[in-house]
Amino acid sequence: MKLVLCFILYSISLSVFAQRTTLTVRVEGIKAEEGIVLLALYTSQADFLGEDIFMGKEASVIHGKATFLFENVPYGRYAMSSFFDKNENGRLDTNFIGIPKEPYAFSMNPSSSFGPPSFDEAAFTLDSLSQSITITY
C-alpha cells in the first residue's frame, strides 16, 4: 500500500513540476494582405537565431496579421524571431552583406537599429497555462 501511495504522489509531483502551457502568438503590422510568416521559438542565447530552434511554425497572413498556436510548451524562458517570407522560399533572404531583404520582427518588440537583438532583449517567460504574445512588424 505504501508503495502505491508513493507512486501516486510521485506522479502528481511530476505533473506539477512539468507544467506545460499553450502559447498564442499574434503577429501584426505586416504590410501585405496575404503571404506566409515563419516563426521560431528559442530556449537560449547559444541557439538564438541559429538553425537549432526549439519549435517552429509557419502561418498564413490574413489582412496583415498571422496567428500561431504552440501547445504543450514547458514553462520556461524563450525568445522568438519571425519573418515575412515574401517569396515563400522558406528562408530569410539577405543581400550580399547579410542584411535581410524581407521584413522581420522579434518577441518583446525590441528596437534593433544595428543588428538583431540579443536573446535577453527578446526573451519572455512562460509561467501560466495559457499565454499570449504579440509581435509587431
Protein backbone atom coordinates (compact mmCIF):
# COMPACT_ATOMS: atom_id res chain seq x y z
CA MET A 1 0.00 0.00 0.00
CA LYS A 2 2.83 2.40 0.88
CA LEU A 3 4.44 1.71 -2.49
CA VAL A 4 1.22 2.57 -4.35
CA LEU A 5 0.81 5.78 -2.35
CA CYS A 6 4.44 6.78 -3.06
CA PHE A 7 3.93 6.14 -6.78
CA ILE A 8 0.77 8.28 -6.85
CA LEU A 9 2.48 11.14 -5.02
CA TYR A 10 5.49 10.90 -7.34
CA SER A 11 3.22 11.03 -10.42
CA ILE A 12 1.38 14.07 -9.08
CA SER A 13 4.64 15.87 -8.31
CA LEU A 14 5.93 15.24 -11.84
CA SER A 15 2.81 16.76 -13.36
CA VAL A 16 3.06 19.81 -11.11
CA PHE A 17 6.73 20.45 -11.88
CA ALA A 18 6.45 19.70 -15.60
CA GLN A 19 3.74 22.25 -16.34
CA ARG A 20 3.07 22.86 -20.00
CA THR A 21 1.32 25.83 -21.48
CA THR A 22 -0.47 26.91 -24.61
CA LEU A 23 1.25 29.87 -26.24
CA THR A 24 -0.67 32.02 -28.72
CA VAL A 25 1.44 34.37 -30.83
CA ARG A 26 -0.20 37.15 -32.79
CA VAL A 27 1.89 38.82 -35.48
CA GLU A 28 0.58 42.22 -36.58
CA GLY A 29 1.58 45.10 -38.81
CA ILE A 30 2.60 43.05 -41.84
CA LYS A 31 2.43 45.27 -44.90
CA ALA A 32 0.71 42.66 -47.06
CA GLU A 33 -2.79 41.26 -47.25
CA GLU A 34 -1.59 37.67 -47.61
CA GLY A 35 1.53 35.50 -47.62
CA ILE A 36 3.47 33.40 -45.12
CA VAL A 37 5.17 34.22 -41.81
CA LEU A 38 7.72 31.85 -40.31
CA LEU A 39 8.29 31.91 -36.56
CA ALA A 40 10.98 30.23 -34.45
CA LEU A 41 10.96 29.70 -30.68
CA TYR A 42 14.38 29.53 -28.96
CA THR A 43 15.41 28.50 -25.45
CA SER A 44 18.89 30.06 -25.11
CA GLN A 45 21.31 32.70 -26.36
CA ALA A 46 23.50 29.93 -27.79
CA ASP A 47 20.69 28.80 -30.11
CA PHE A 48 19.03 32.19 -30.74
CA LEU A 49 18.75 32.96 -34.48
CA GLY A 50 20.55 29.75 -35.38
CA GLU A 51 19.42 26.55 -37.01
CA ASP A 52 18.74 24.76 -33.71
CA ILE A 53 15.23 26.01 -32.90
CA PHE A 54 13.12 24.60 -30.07
CA MET A 55 9.83 24.88 -32.01
CA GLY A 56 8.96 26.44 -35.32
CA LYS A 57 5.82 27.07 -37.31
CA GLU A 58 4.51 28.90 -40.32
CA ALA A 59 1.18 30.67 -40.63
CA SER A 60 -0.75 32.39 -43.37
CA VAL A 61 -1.09 36.15 -43.38
CA ILE A 62 -4.67 37.34 -43.49
CA HIS A 63 -5.22 41.09 -43.76
CA GLY A 64 -1.73 41.86 -42.46
CA LYS A 65 -1.91 39.51 -39.46
CA ALA A 66 -0.90 35.94 -38.62
CA THR A 67 -1.66 33.77 -35.58
CA PHE A 68 0.36 30.86 -34.23
CA LEU A 69 -0.63 28.32 -31.60
CA PHE A 70 2.04 26.35 -29.74
CA GLU A 71 0.73 23.62 -27.46
CA ASN A 72 2.42 21.67 -24.67
CA VAL A 73 5.29 24.13 -24.29
CA PRO A 74 7.12 23.62 -20.98
CA TYR A 75 7.28 26.53 -18.57
CA GLY A 76 10.47 28.47 -19.12
CA ARG A 77 12.22 31.42 -20.74
CA TYR A 78 12.04 31.82 -24.52
CA ALA A 79 12.70 34.28 -27.34
CA MET A 80 11.13 34.32 -30.81
CA SER A 81 12.13 35.52 -34.23
CA SER A 82 9.82 35.81 -37.20
CA PHE A 83 9.93 36.97 -40.78
CA PHE A 84 7.51 37.60 -43.60
CA ASP A 85 8.56 35.20 -46.36
CA LYS A 86 7.67 37.37 -49.36
CA ASN A 87 8.71 34.83 -51.96
CA GLU A 88 7.69 31.78 -49.87
CA ASN A 89 11.06 30.04 -50.26
CA GLY A 90 11.25 29.05 -46.58
CA ARG A 91 14.27 31.19 -45.67
CA LEU A 92 15.09 34.78 -44.76
CA ASP A 93 16.59 36.33 -47.88
CA THR A 94 19.54 38.69 -47.36
CA ASN A 95 21.63 40.92 -49.56
CA PHE A 96 25.31 40.29 -50.33
CA ILE A 97 26.45 41.60 -46.92
CA GLY A 98 23.82 39.72 -44.91
CA ILE A 99 21.20 42.42 -44.37
CA PRO A 100 17.67 40.95 -44.53
CA LYS A 101 15.62 41.81 -47.61
CA GLU A 102 12.40 40.54 -46.03
CA PRO A 103 10.58 42.07 -43.04
CA TYR A 104 11.38 40.53 -39.65
CA ALA A 105 10.43 41.02 -36.00
CA PHE A 106 11.13 39.57 -32.55
CA SER A 107 9.27 38.79 -29.35
CA MET A 108 9.08 41.72 -26.92
CA ASN A 109 9.42 44.03 -29.97
CA PRO A 110 12.96 45.26 -29.15
CA SER A 111 14.40 48.09 -31.23
CA SER A 112 17.18 46.83 -33.45
CA SER A 113 18.96 49.68 -35.18
CA PHE A 114 22.25 47.86 -35.65
CA GLY A 115 21.68 44.15 -36.00
CA PRO A 116 19.39 41.71 -34.29
CA PRO A 117 18.61 41.88 -30.57
CA SER A 118 20.17 39.54 -28.05
CA PHE A 119 18.24 36.64 -26.59
CA ASP A 120 17.78 38.64 -23.36
CA GLU A 121 16.26 41.60 -25.24
CA ALA A 122 13.69 39.36 -26.93
CA ALA A 123 13.12 36.94 -24.02
CA PHE A 124 9.87 36.37 -22.15
CA THR A 125 8.81 33.86 -19.50
CA LEU A 126 6.05 31.30 -19.93
CA ASP A 127 4.61 30.73 -16.49
CA SER A 128 0.87 30.21 -16.91
CA LEU A 129 -1.27 27.57 -18.56
CA SER A 130 -2.36 29.91 -21.36
CA GLN A 131 -0.33 32.88 -22.51
CA SER A 132 -0.43 35.32 -25.45
CA ILE A 133 2.36 37.33 -27.06
CA THR A 134 2.01 39.99 -29.77
CA ILE A 135 4.83 40.69 -32.22
CA THR A 136 4.55 43.87 -34.26
CA TYR A 137 6.31 44.47 -37.57
